[in-house]
Amino acid sequence: MGTVSFESTGAWTTWVTKTVTVPLNAGGNTIRWDPTTAAGLPNVDCLDVGTAAA
């Protein structure tokens, strides 16, 4: 899929919603977050997966 950036919000009490559209195969899929900088991974509270609007 490629790299998706998660910009800092500046505070733990400030958050944003990030929407990314990716193709999924029928059946099982693997979603993996790998750190690309020494800062590590984003603080992710929720991952919603759904179908795209027609």
Foldseek 3Di string as FASTA:
>chain_A
DDDDDDDDPPDPVDDDDDDDDDDDDPDDDDDDDFDPDPVTDDDDDDDDDDDDDD
